[in-house]
Amino acid sequence: MGNRRIGEDAVTEIEDQGALPPVFQYQINGLVKRLAAGA
């Protein structure tokens, strides 16, 4: 759960800044979900 929370916070910060294109955000979200599933 800790890894998932950190990952989601990082993605949220990046999305708030609008620094990444949607495709890259989608890839990060997928990675976070895989990490959460494995944690």
Protein backbone atom coordinates (compact mmCIF):
# COMPACT_ATOMS: atom_id res chain seq x y z
CA MET A 1 0.00 0.00 0.00
CA GLY A 2 2.88 2.37 0.76
CA ASN A 3 4.34 2.01 -2.73
CA ARG A 4 0.95 2.61 -4.29
CA ARG A 5 0.35 5.77 -2.27
CA ILE A 6 3.77 7.19 -3.20
CA GLY A 7 3.24 6.37 -6.86
CA GLU A 8 -0.20 7.94 -6.95
CA ASP A 9 1.11 11.09 -5.24
CA ALA A 10 3.89 11.37 -7.81
CA VAL A 11 1.48 10.92 -10.71
CA THR A 12 -0.91 13.46 -9.17
CA GLU A 13 1.89 16.02 -8.81
CA ILE A 14 2.95 15.52 -12.43
CA GLU A 15 -0.64 15.79 -13.66
CA ASP A 16 -1.16 18.97 -11.62
CA GLN A 17 1.88 20.50 -13.34
CA GLY A 18 0.60 19.37 -16.74
CA ALA A 19 4.17 18.36 -17.59
CA LEU A 20 3.43 15.07 -19.35
CA PRO A 21 1.43 14.12 -22.44
CA PRO A 22 -1.62 11.89 -21.78
CA VAL A 23 0.03 8.78 -23.23
CA PHE A 24 2.95 9.04 -20.83
CA GLN A 25 0.57 9.62 -17.91
CA TYR A 26 -1.31 6.48 -18.97
CA GLN A 27 1.94 4.47 -19.00
CA ILE A 28 2.82 5.70 -15.50
CA ASN A 29 -0.67 4.84 -14.25
CA GLY A 30 -0.23 1.32 -15.64
CA LEU A 31 3.14 0.98 -13.93
CA VAL A 32 1.69 2.17 -10.62
CA LYS A 33 -1.12 -0.36 -10.90
CA ARG A 34 1.37 -3.18 -11.57
CA LEU A 35 3.47 -2.12 -8.58
CA ALA A 36 0.37 -1.96 -6.40
CA ALA A 37 -0.74 -5.41 -7.57
CA GLY A 38 2.70 -6.84 -6.76
CA ALA A 39 3.02 -5.11 -3.38
